[in-house]
Amino acid sequence: YQKSFEGTLRIQGTMITSDVLNPQTDYFDIATIIFTNSTDTVTYYNFTGVYQNVRFSWGNTSGNTGRIDKILYRH
């Protein structure tokens, strides 16, 4: 769910099973989604794979004050 968001959403995963993760090196990109329209819409993205942990990160386009309001993840 996005609220006037323009920018990039990254879906990342890891195969590390340890509780001690190094976020800089243990995660890899599963997908990168670029949002170019500043709207309030629901966008979905399907991906498959076997991952121990999944995380999401985003960055706004310069000057954009929109946000990612909510991410629903079903595994």
Protein backbone atom coordinates (compact mmCIF):
# COMPACT_ATOMS: atom_id res chain seq x y z
CA TYR A 1 0.00 0.00 0.00
CA GLN A 2 1.56 3.28 -1.06
CA LYS A 3 0.66 6.83 -0.16
CA SER A 4 1.90 9.17 -2.90
CA PHE A 5 5.15 7.17 -3.03
CA GLU A 6 7.68 7.53 -5.82
CA GLY A 7 10.86 5.55 -5.47
CA THR A 8 12.29 2.06 -5.25
CA LEU A 9 11.17 -0.93 -3.18
CA ARG A 10 13.68 -3.75 -2.71
CA ILE A 11 12.75 -7.26 -1.64
CA GLN A 12 15.72 -9.07 -0.14
CA GLY A 13 16.28 -12.58 1.20
CA THR A 14 18.92 -14.63 2.95
CA MET A 15 19.71 -18.30 3.38
CA ILE A 16 21.59 -17.76 6.66
CA THR A 17 19.89 -19.66 9.48
CA SER A 18 21.91 -18.13 12.32
CA ASP A 19 20.41 -15.55 14.67
CA VAL A 20 23.46 -13.36 14.04
CA LEU A 21 23.10 -11.82 10.60
CA ASN A 22 25.30 -9.27 8.91
CA PRO A 23 22.71 -7.17 7.05
CA GLN A 24 25.31 -5.71 4.69
CA THR A 25 26.54 -9.05 3.29
CA ASP A 26 24.08 -11.82 4.13
CA TYR A 27 21.07 -10.50 2.19
CA PHE A 28 20.68 -10.52 -1.59
CA ASP A 29 18.13 -8.83 -3.85
CA ILE A 30 15.13 -10.93 -4.87
CA ALA A 31 13.43 -8.09 -6.76
CA THR A 32 13.60 -4.33 -7.24
CA ILE A 33 10.34 -2.52 -7.99
CA ILE A 34 10.36 1.08 -9.21
CA PHE A 35 7.32 3.28 -8.61
CA THR A 36 7.11 6.31 -10.91
CA ASN A 37 3.52 7.48 -10.35
CA SER A 38 2.72 9.30 -7.14
CA THR A 39 -0.63 7.66 -6.39
CA ASP A 40 -2.44 5.95 -3.53
CA THR A 41 -2.72 2.44 -4.91
CA VAL A 42 -2.27 -1.16 -3.90
CA THR A 43 0.47 -2.91 -5.86
CA TYR A 44 1.24 -6.60 -5.66
CA TYR A 45 4.33 -8.57 -6.56
CA ASN A 46 4.69 -12.35 -6.51
CA PHE A 47 8.00 -14.11 -6.00
CA THR A 48 8.97 -17.68 -5.19
CA GLY A 49 11.95 -19.23 -3.51
CA VAL A 50 13.18 -20.78 -0.30
CA TYR A 51 14.53 -18.16 2.10
CA GLN A 52 15.29 -18.23 5.81
CA ASN A 53 14.50 -14.52 6.19
CA VAL A 54 12.94 -11.87 3.96
CA ARG A 55 13.13 -8.11 4.39
CA PHE A 56 11.90 -5.03 2.54
CA SER A 57 13.65 -1.69 2.08
CA TRP A 58 12.70 1.44 0.16
CA GLY A 59 14.02 4.80 -0.86
CA ASN A 60 12.09 7.83 -2.02
CA THR A 61 12.86 9.65 -5.23
CA SER A 62 14.55 12.98 -4.51
CA GLY A 63 11.96 15.50 -3.33
CA ASN A 64 9.18 12.94 -2.89
CA THR A 65 7.55 12.88 0.55
CA GLY A 66 5.31 9.87 -0.08
CA ARG A 67 5.63 6.65 1.86
CA ILE A 68 5.01 2.94 1.85
CA ASP A 69 2.08 2.69 4.24
CA LYS A 70 1.91 -1.06 4.64
CA ILE A 71 3.45 -4.27 3.28
CA LEU A 72 1.56 -7.53 3.51
CA TYR A 73 3.77 -10.61 3.23
CA ARG A 74 2.32 -14.09 3.01
CA HIS A 75 4.57 -17.12 3.04
